[in-house]
Amino acid sequence: ERYGRFWVDTQTFTWAHERIMAMHDSTDYMTFDEIGPMELEGKALHATFKAVLASYGGTVIAVVRKPLLERVMETYGISGDNVVILHADKPWEEQLEKIVK
């Protein structure tokens, strides 16, 4: 399937969903790189991300481009209290204290 200038094998998302949900109870962290335009259109890992947010007890880390952040938070019902924003243009060492307690 073509998405913008990219060709995407949609079976990859089915494969990823199965793997992510299988690991659901055996890990403390889940990372999504990235939640973007395809997910916001209900494609790609939209259903997986939504399911993980609804039922996962660990920490979810998601990469979201700054221009999409508000829309992602609104779409997935993520409150500001549950978000730590790290900036790609700043050294990670300066931001580490935001996520390590």
Foldseek 3Di string as FASTA:
>chain_A
DDDVPDDDDQVVLVVVLVVCVVCQPPDQEAEAEACEDQLLVVGRCVVSVLVSVVDHPHYYHHDYDPVCVVVVCVVNVPDPVNDDDDDPVDDVVVVVVSPDD
